[in-house]
């Protein structure tokens, strides 16, 4: 039987809806729960910025309550849980905190970070949208992250 491996460069892209994570796909999280297409990246009109918000302190995704109607909000919230999108919060937080500190201290630019960070590009992109032009907000969030356990 032939084994397939995802290219390491593409495996963490948000567009890779079918990324496999053993713990997410087992009964522990997803199991046999039905998957709604609302967060499926190849769905016509799909826009993660319209559907999702990103909490930079906790490094978690949430439904975008500013743009979604009540039904869509519930669907997105359910899919975040079913798909285990926040299941990788520890590794996402560690990586993005490191990258964000490098951006803040001007070791790298946002564009360089977007290019070199293969994991969690959607989270990094939303972080960029939230703080790129607001240095005070960026500093406040970054210092707040350092004080959390």
N, C-alpha and C. Protein backbone atom coordinates (compact mmCIF):
# COMPACT_ATOMS: atom_id res chain seq x y z
N UNK A 1 0.84 -1.17 0.00
CA UNK A 1 0.00 0.00 0.00
C UNK A 1 0.89 1.24 0.00
N UNK A 2 0.55 2.21 -0.84
CA UNK A 2 1.33 3.43 -0.99
C UNK A 2 0.96 4.44 0.10
N UNK A 3 1.98 5.03 0.74
CA UNK A 3 1.73 6.03 1.77
C UNK A 3 1.89 7.41 1.17
N UNK A 4 1.03 8.32 1.57
CA UNK A 4 1.08 9.70 1.08
C UNK A 4 1.46 10.62 2.22
N UNK A 5 2.30 11.57 1.93
CA UNK A 5 2.68 12.58 2.91
C UNK A 5 2.40 13.95 2.31
N UNK A 6 1.84 14.83 3.11
CA UNK A 6 1.65 16.20 2.65
C UNK A 6 2.99 16.91 2.65
N UNK A 7 3.18 17.73 1.68
CA UNK A 7 4.39 18.55 1.62
C UNK A 7 4.44 19.42 2.87
N UNK A 8 5.56 19.46 3.59
CA UNK A 8 5.64 20.26 4.82
C UNK A 8 5.29 21.73 4.61
N UNK A 9 5.54 22.25 3.41
CA UNK A 9 5.25 23.66 3.14
C UNK A 9 3.74 23.91 3.09
N UNK A 10 2.98 22.94 2.65
CA UNK A 10 1.54 23.13 2.45
C UNK A 10 0.68 22.57 3.57
N UNK A 11 1.23 21.73 4.41
CA UNK A 11 0.41 21.02 5.38
C UNK A 11 -0.29 21.92 6.38
N UNK A 12 0.24 23.11 6.68
CA UNK A 12 -0.39 23.98 7.67
C UNK A 12 -1.20 25.10 7.05
N UNK A 13 -1.32 25.16 5.74
CA UNK A 13 -2.12 26.20 5.13
C UNK A 13 -3.59 26.02 5.48
N UNK A 14 -4.27 27.13 5.76
CA UNK A 14 -5.69 27.07 6.08
C UNK A 14 -6.47 26.42 4.96
N UNK A 15 -6.03 26.65 3.73
CA UNK A 15 -6.71 26.08 2.59
C UNK A 15 -6.68 24.55 2.60
N UNK A 16 -5.78 23.98 3.37
CA UNK A 16 -5.71 22.54 3.47
C UNK A 16 -6.74 22.06 4.50
N UNK A 17 -7.99 22.16 4.14
CA UNK A 17 -9.10 21.80 5.00
C UNK A 17 -8.96 20.39 5.52
N UNK A 18 -8.33 19.52 4.76
CA UNK A 18 -8.26 18.12 5.10
C UNK A 18 -6.97 17.75 5.82
N UNK A 19 -6.31 18.74 6.41
CA UNK A 19 -5.12 18.45 7.20
C UNK A 19 -5.50 17.41 8.26
N UNK A 20 -4.66 16.44 8.45
CA UNK A 20 -4.97 15.36 9.37
C UNK A 20 -4.22 15.60 10.68
N UNK A 21 -4.97 15.58 11.75
CA UNK A 21 -4.40 15.63 13.08
C UNK A 21 -5.03 14.46 13.81
N UNK A 22 -4.22 13.53 14.25
CA UNK A 22 -4.70 12.30 14.85
C UNK A 22 -5.68 12.58 15.99
N UNK A 23 -5.29 13.46 16.90
CA UNK A 23 -6.14 13.71 18.06
C UNK A 23 -7.47 14.36 17.66
N UNK A 24 -7.46 15.21 16.65
CA UNK A 24 -8.70 15.86 16.22
C UNK A 24 -9.62 14.86 15.54
N UNK A 25 -9.07 14.00 14.72
CA UNK A 25 -9.90 13.08 13.94
C UNK A 25 -10.36 11.85 14.70
N UNK A 26 -9.86 11.63 15.89
CA UNK A 26 -10.31 10.49 16.68
C UNK A 26 -11.60 10.85 17.40
N UNK A 27 -12.16 9.90 18.07
CA UNK A 27 -13.39 10.13 18.82
C UNK A 27 -13.19 11.20 19.88
N UNK A 28 -11.95 11.45 20.27
CA UNK A 28 -11.66 12.44 21.31
C UNK A 28 -12.24 13.81 20.96
N UNK A 29 -12.18 14.20 19.70
CA UNK A 29 -12.70 15.52 19.30
C UNK A 29 -13.75 15.38 18.22
N UNK A 30 -13.34 15.06 17.00
CA UNK A 30 -14.28 15.05 15.88
C UNK A 30 -15.11 13.79 15.84
N UNK A 31 -14.45 12.66 15.90
CA UNK A 31 -15.17 11.40 15.82
C UNK A 31 -16.03 11.32 14.59
N UNK A 32 -17.30 11.00 14.76
CA UNK A 32 -18.24 10.87 13.65
C UNK A 32 -19.16 12.08 13.52
N UNK A 33 -18.81 13.19 14.14
CA UNK A 33 -19.65 14.38 14.06
C UNK A 33 -19.69 14.89 12.63
N UNK A 34 -20.84 15.41 12.26
CA UNK A 34 -21.04 15.92 10.90
C UNK A 34 -20.27 17.23 10.70
N UNK A 35 -19.68 17.36 9.52
CA UNK A 35 -18.92 18.56 9.19
C UNK A 35 -19.74 19.43 8.25
N UNK A 36 -20.00 20.66 8.70
CA UNK A 36 -20.71 21.65 7.89
C UNK A 36 -19.70 22.30 6.97
N UNK A 37 -20.11 22.71 5.80
CA UNK A 37 -19.17 23.27 4.82
C UNK A 37 -18.85 24.75 5.06
N UNK A 38 -19.38 25.37 6.09
CA UNK A 38 -19.22 26.81 6.28
C UNK A 38 -17.75 27.22 6.40
N UNK A 39 -16.90 26.38 6.95
CA UNK A 39 -15.48 26.71 7.06
C UNK A 39 -14.62 26.01 6.01
N UNK A 40 -15.27 25.45 5.01
CA UNK A 40 -14.52 24.76 3.96
C UNK A 40 -13.93 25.78 2.98
N UNK A 41 -12.61 25.84 2.90
CA UNK A 41 -11.95 26.89 2.09
C UNK A 41 -12.27 26.88 0.61
N UNK A 42 -12.71 25.75 0.06
CA UNK A 42 -13.01 25.76 -1.37
C UNK A 42 -14.49 26.08 -1.64
N UNK A 43 -15.22 26.45 -0.59
CA UNK A 43 -16.62 26.86 -0.76
C UNK A 43 -16.64 28.23 -1.43
N UNK A 44 -17.54 28.42 -2.38
CA UNK A 44 -17.64 29.70 -3.07
C UNK A 44 -17.93 30.82 -2.06
N UNK A 45 -17.18 31.89 -2.15
CA UNK A 45 -17.37 33.03 -1.26
C UNK A 45 -16.69 32.89 0.09
N UNK A 46 -15.94 31.81 0.28
CA UNK A 46 -15.28 31.59 1.57
C UNK A 46 -14.29 32.72 1.86
N UNK A 47 -14.37 33.27 3.06
CA UNK A 47 -13.46 34.31 3.50
C UNK A 47 -13.25 34.16 5.00
N UNK A 48 -12.08 33.67 5.42
CA UNK A 48 -11.87 33.44 6.85
C UNK A 48 -11.96 34.72 7.68
N UNK A 49 -11.68 35.87 7.07
CA UNK A 49 -11.75 37.13 7.79
C UNK A 49 -13.20 37.50 8.10
N UNK A 50 -14.11 37.14 7.21
CA UNK A 50 -15.52 37.39 7.44
C UNK A 50 -16.09 36.43 8.49
N UNK A 51 -15.58 35.22 8.51
CA UNK A 51 -16.13 34.18 9.37
C UNK A 51 -15.51 34.12 10.76
N UNK A 52 -14.25 34.51 10.87
CA UNK A 52 -13.51 34.28 12.11
C UNK A 52 -12.91 35.53 12.70
N UNK A 53 -12.79 35.51 14.01
CA UNK A 53 -11.99 36.48 14.75
C UNK A 53 -10.86 35.69 15.41
N UNK A 54 -9.78 36.39 15.71
CA UNK A 54 -8.66 35.71 16.35
C UNK A 54 -8.29 36.47 17.62
N UNK A 55 -8.25 35.77 18.73
CA UNK A 55 -7.88 36.36 20.01
C UNK A 55 -6.37 36.22 20.18
N UNK A 56 -5.66 37.35 20.07
CA UNK A 56 -4.19 37.32 20.13
C UNK A 56 -3.66 36.99 21.52
N UNK A 57 -4.43 37.21 22.55
CA UNK A 57 -3.97 36.88 23.90
C UNK A 57 -4.03 35.37 24.14
N UNK A 58 -5.13 34.76 23.72
CA UNK A 58 -5.34 33.33 23.95
C UNK A 58 -4.93 32.47 22.76
N UNK A 59 -4.75 33.10 21.62
CA UNK A 59 -4.43 32.41 20.36
C UNK A 59 -5.50 31.39 20.00
N UNK A 60 -6.74 31.86 20.04
CA UNK A 60 -7.88 31.02 19.68
C UNK A 60 -8.74 31.73 18.65
N UNK A 61 -9.40 30.92 17.84
CA UNK A 61 -10.35 31.43 16.85
C UNK A 61 -11.75 31.43 17.45
N UNK A 62 -12.55 32.41 17.02
CA UNK A 62 -13.93 32.53 17.44
C UNK A 62 -14.74 33.00 16.24
N UNK A 63 -16.06 32.74 16.25
CA UNK A 63 -16.89 33.26 15.16
C UNK A 63 -16.85 34.79 15.16
N UNK A 64 -16.92 35.37 13.98
CA UNK A 64 -16.88 36.82 13.86
C UNK A 64 -18.26 37.39 14.15
N UNK A 65 -18.47 37.79 15.40
CA UNK A 65 -19.78 38.27 15.82
C UNK A 65 -20.16 39.60 15.18
N UNK A 66 -19.22 40.29 14.58
CA UNK A 66 -19.51 41.57 13.92
C UNK A 66 -20.04 41.37 12.50
N UNK A 67 -19.81 40.20 11.92
CA UNK A 67 -20.17 40.02 10.51
C UNK A 67 -21.15 38.87 10.26
N UNK A 68 -21.37 38.03 11.25
CA UNK A 68 -22.20 36.85 11.02
C UNK A 68 -23.59 37.00 11.61
N UNK A 69 -24.58 36.47 10.89
CA UNK A 69 -25.91 36.39 11.47
C UNK A 69 -25.91 35.27 12.51
N UNK A 70 -26.97 35.17 13.27
CA UNK A 70 -27.01 34.23 14.39
C UNK A 70 -26.81 32.77 13.95
N UNK A 71 -27.44 32.38 12.86
CA UNK A 71 -27.32 31.00 12.38
C UNK A 71 -25.88 30.70 11.92
N UNK A 72 -25.30 31.61 11.15
CA UNK A 72 -23.93 31.41 10.69
C UNK A 72 -22.96 31.41 11.87
N UNK A 73 -23.19 32.27 12.84
CA UNK A 73 -22.37 32.31 14.04
C UNK A 73 -22.36 30.94 14.72
N UNK A 74 -23.54 30.36 14.90
CA UNK A 74 -23.64 29.04 15.55
C UNK A 74 -22.93 27.96 14.73
N UNK A 75 -23.08 28.02 13.40
CA UNK A 75 -22.43 27.04 12.54
C UNK A 75 -20.90 27.14 12.66
N UNK A 76 -20.38 28.36 12.60
CA UNK A 76 -18.93 28.56 12.70
C UNK A 76 -18.43 28.10 14.07
N UNK A 77 -19.15 28.48 15.11
CA UNK A 77 -18.76 28.08 16.46
C UNK A 77 -18.73 26.56 16.59
N UNK A 78 -19.75 25.90 16.05
CA UNK A 78 -19.81 24.44 16.09
C UNK A 78 -18.64 23.83 15.32
N UNK A 79 -18.34 24.36 14.14
CA UNK A 79 -17.25 23.80 13.33
C UNK A 79 -15.88 24.05 13.97
N UNK A 80 -15.70 25.16 14.63
CA UNK A 80 -14.44 25.39 15.36
C UNK A 80 -14.24 24.26 16.36
N UNK A 81 -15.32 23.87 17.03
CA UNK A 81 -15.23 22.78 18.01
C UNK A 81 -15.10 21.42 17.35
N UNK A 82 -15.94 21.14 16.36
CA UNK A 82 -15.92 19.82 15.70
C UNK A 82 -14.58 19.57 15.02
N UNK A 83 -14.05 20.59 14.34
CA UNK A 83 -12.80 20.42 13.61
C UNK A 83 -11.57 20.56 14.50
N UNK A 84 -11.78 20.92 15.76
CA UNK A 84 -10.65 21.02 16.68
C UNK A 84 -9.70 22.15 16.33
N UNK A 85 -10.22 23.22 15.74
CA UNK A 85 -9.36 24.30 15.27
C UNK A 85 -8.56 24.92 16.42
N UNK A 86 -9.13 24.94 17.60
CA UNK A 86 -8.39 25.49 18.75
C UNK A 86 -7.67 24.41 19.55
N UNK A 87 -7.69 23.20 19.03
CA UNK A 87 -7.00 22.10 19.72
C UNK A 87 -5.48 22.30 19.72
N UNK A 88 -4.96 22.99 18.74
CA UNK A 88 -3.51 23.19 18.63
C UNK A 88 -3.08 24.52 19.26
N UNK A 89 -3.88 25.03 20.18
CA UNK A 89 -3.64 26.36 20.72
C UNK A 89 -2.25 26.49 21.35
N UNK A 90 -1.74 25.48 22.03
CA UNK A 90 -0.43 25.56 22.67
C UNK A 90 0.68 25.78 21.67
N UNK A 91 0.71 24.96 20.63
CA UNK A 91 1.77 25.11 19.63
C UNK A 91 1.58 26.39 18.82
N UNK A 92 0.32 26.76 18.57
CA UNK A 92 0.06 28.01 17.84
C UNK A 92 0.52 29.20 18.67
N UNK A 93 0.21 29.19 19.95
CA UNK A 93 0.58 30.30 20.84
C UNK A 93 2.10 30.43 20.93
N UNK A 94 2.79 29.31 21.13
CA UNK A 94 4.26 29.35 21.23
C UNK A 94 4.89 29.92 19.97
N UNK A 95 4.48 29.41 18.82
CA UNK A 95 5.07 29.86 17.56
C UNK A 95 4.75 31.33 17.29
N UNK A 96 3.48 31.70 17.39
CA UNK A 96 3.10 33.06 17.05
C UNK A 96 3.63 34.08 18.05
N UNK A 97 3.70 33.74 19.32
CA UNK A 97 4.30 34.68 20.28
C UNK A 97 5.75 34.95 19.90
N UNK A 98 6.47 33.91 19.52
CA UNK A 98 7.87 34.08 19.10
C UNK A 98 7.96 34.98 17.86
N UNK A 99 7.14 34.69 16.87
CA UNK A 99 7.14 35.47 15.63
C UNK A 99 6.73 36.92 15.91
N UNK A 100 5.69 37.11 16.70
CA UNK A 100 5.22 38.47 17.01
C UNK A 100 6.28 39.28 17.76
N UNK A 101 7.01 38.65 18.65
CA UNK A 101 8.10 39.36 19.34
C UNK A 101 9.18 39.79 18.35
N UNK A 102 9.48 38.93 17.40
CA UNK A 102 10.48 39.27 16.38
C UNK A 102 10.01 40.42 15.50
N UNK A 103 8.74 40.45 15.20
CA UNK A 103 8.19 41.57 14.42
C UNK A 103 8.24 42.84 15.26
N UNK A 104 7.79 42.75 16.48
CA UNK A 104 7.74 43.91 17.37
C UNK A 104 9.13 44.53 17.57
N UNK A 105 10.14 43.70 17.68
CA UNK A 105 11.51 44.20 17.89
C UNK A 105 12.23 44.48 16.58
N UNK A 106 11.48 44.42 15.49
CA UNK A 106 11.96 44.73 14.15
C UNK A 106 13.11 43.82 13.68
N UNK A 107 13.11 42.60 14.16
CA UNK A 107 14.07 41.61 13.65
C UNK A 107 13.62 41.13 12.27
N UNK A 108 12.30 41.09 12.07
CA UNK A 108 11.73 40.73 10.77
C UNK A 108 10.53 41.63 10.51
N UNK A 109 10.15 41.73 9.26
CA UNK A 109 8.96 42.50 8.89
C UNK A 109 7.75 41.56 8.88
N UNK A 110 6.57 42.15 8.78
CA UNK A 110 5.36 41.34 8.66
C UNK A 110 5.44 40.46 7.41
N UNK A 111 5.90 41.03 6.31
CA UNK A 111 5.98 40.25 5.06
C UNK A 111 6.95 39.09 5.22
N UNK A 112 8.09 39.34 5.85
CA UNK A 112 9.05 38.25 6.08
C UNK A 112 8.44 37.17 6.97
N UNK A 113 7.72 37.59 8.00
CA UNK A 113 7.07 36.63 8.89
C UNK A 113 6.03 35.81 8.14
N UNK A 114 5.24 36.47 7.30
CA UNK A 114 4.23 35.76 6.52
C UNK A 114 4.88 34.75 5.58
N UNK A 115 6.03 35.11 5.03
CA UNK A 115 6.73 34.22 4.10
C UNK A 115 7.39 33.04 4.81
N UNK A 116 8.00 33.28 5.95
CA UNK A 116 8.77 32.22 6.60
C UNK A 116 7.96 31.36 7.57
N UNK A 117 6.80 31.83 8.00
CA UNK A 117 6.00 31.08 8.96
C UNK A 117 5.04 30.17 8.21
N UNK A 118 5.33 28.90 8.21
CA UNK A 118 4.52 27.95 7.46
C UNK A 118 3.28 27.54 8.22
N UNK A 119 3.37 27.49 9.52
CA UNK A 119 2.24 27.09 10.33
C UNK A 119 1.38 28.30 10.68
N UNK A 120 0.10 28.07 10.76
CA UNK A 120 -0.88 29.05 11.23
C UNK A 120 -0.89 30.37 10.45
N UNK A 121 -0.87 30.34 9.13
CA UNK A 121 -0.85 31.58 8.35
C UNK A 121 -2.11 32.42 8.51
N UNK A 122 -3.27 31.78 8.71
CA UNK A 122 -4.49 32.55 8.88
C UNK A 122 -4.44 33.33 10.18
N UNK A 123 -4.00 32.70 11.25
CA UNK A 123 -3.88 33.38 12.54
C UNK A 123 -2.90 34.54 12.44
N UNK A 124 -1.76 34.32 11.81
CA UNK A 124 -0.77 35.38 11.67
C UNK A 124 -1.32 36.54 10.82
N UNK A 125 -2.04 36.21 9.77
CA UNK A 125 -2.62 37.25 8.92
C UNK A 125 -3.65 38.09 9.68
N UNK A 126 -4.48 37.45 10.48
CA UNK A 126 -5.46 38.21 11.27
C UNK A 126 -4.76 39.04 12.32
N UNK A 127 -3.71 38.51 12.95
CA UNK A 127 -2.91 39.31 13.90
C UNK A 127 -2.38 40.56 13.20
N UNK A 128 -1.87 40.38 12.02
CA UNK A 128 -1.33 41.51 11.26
C UNK A 128 -2.40 42.57 11.03
N UNK A 129 -3.58 42.12 10.62
CA UNK A 129 -4.67 43.05 10.36
C UNK A 129 -5.07 43.81 11.63
N UNK A 130 -4.95 43.16 12.78
CA UNK A 130 -5.37 43.77 14.04
C UNK A 130 -4.38 44.81 14.56
N UNK A 131 -3.08 44.62 14.32
CA UNK A 131 -2.11 45.48 15.00
C UNK A 131 -1.05 46.13 14.13
N UNK A 132 -1.02 45.84 12.85
CA UNK A 132 0.07 46.33 12.01
C UNK A 132 0.20 47.86 12.06
N UNK A 133 -0.88 48.56 12.09
CA UNK A 133 -0.83 50.02 12.06
C UNK A 133 -1.18 50.65 13.41
N UNK A 134 -1.14 49.84 14.46
CA UNK A 134 -1.45 50.33 15.80
C UNK A 134 -0.40 49.81 16.78
N UNK A 135 0.73 50.53 16.82
CA UNK A 135 1.87 50.09 17.62
C UNK A 135 1.52 49.97 19.10
N UNK A 136 0.70 50.89 19.61
CA UNK A 136 0.31 50.83 21.03
C UNK A 136 -0.50 49.56 21.33
N UNK A 137 -1.42 49.23 20.44
CA UNK A 137 -2.22 48.01 20.62
C UNK A 137 -1.31 46.78 20.54
N UNK A 138 -0.39 46.80 19.59
CA UNK A 138 0.54 45.69 19.42
C UNK A 138 1.35 45.50 20.70
N UNK A 139 1.89 46.58 21.25
CA UNK A 139 2.69 46.52 22.48
C UNK A 139 1.85 46.00 23.64
N UNK A 140 0.63 46.51 23.76
CA UNK A 140 -0.24 46.08 24.85
C UNK A 140 -0.54 44.59 24.77
N UNK A 141 -0.87 44.11 23.58
CA UNK A 141 -1.15 42.69 23.42
C UNK A 141 0.09 41.85 23.65
N UNK A 142 1.22 42.30 23.17
CA UNK A 142 2.45 41.54 23.33
C UNK A 142 2.85 41.46 24.80
N UNK A 143 2.80 42.56 25.51
CA UNK A 143 3.15 42.53 26.93
C UNK A 143 2.12 41.73 27.72
N UNK A 144 0.87 41.78 27.31
CA UNK A 144 -0.15 40.97 27.96
C UNK A 144 0.11 39.49 27.78
N UNK A 145 0.61 39.12 26.59
CA UNK A 145 0.92 37.71 26.31
C UNK A 145 2.07 37.24 27.18
N UNK A 146 3.04 38.10 27.43
CA UNK A 146 4.20 37.70 28.23
C UNK A 146 3.80 37.43 29.67
N UNK A 147 2.74 38.07 30.15
CA UNK A 147 2.34 37.91 31.54
C UNK A 147 1.43 36.70 31.75
N UNK A 148 1.01 36.06 30.69
CA UNK A 148 0.15 34.89 30.83
C UNK A 148 0.98 33.63 30.97
N UNK A 149 0.43 32.66 31.68
CA UNK A 149 1.10 31.38 31.86
C UNK A 149 0.84 30.51 30.66
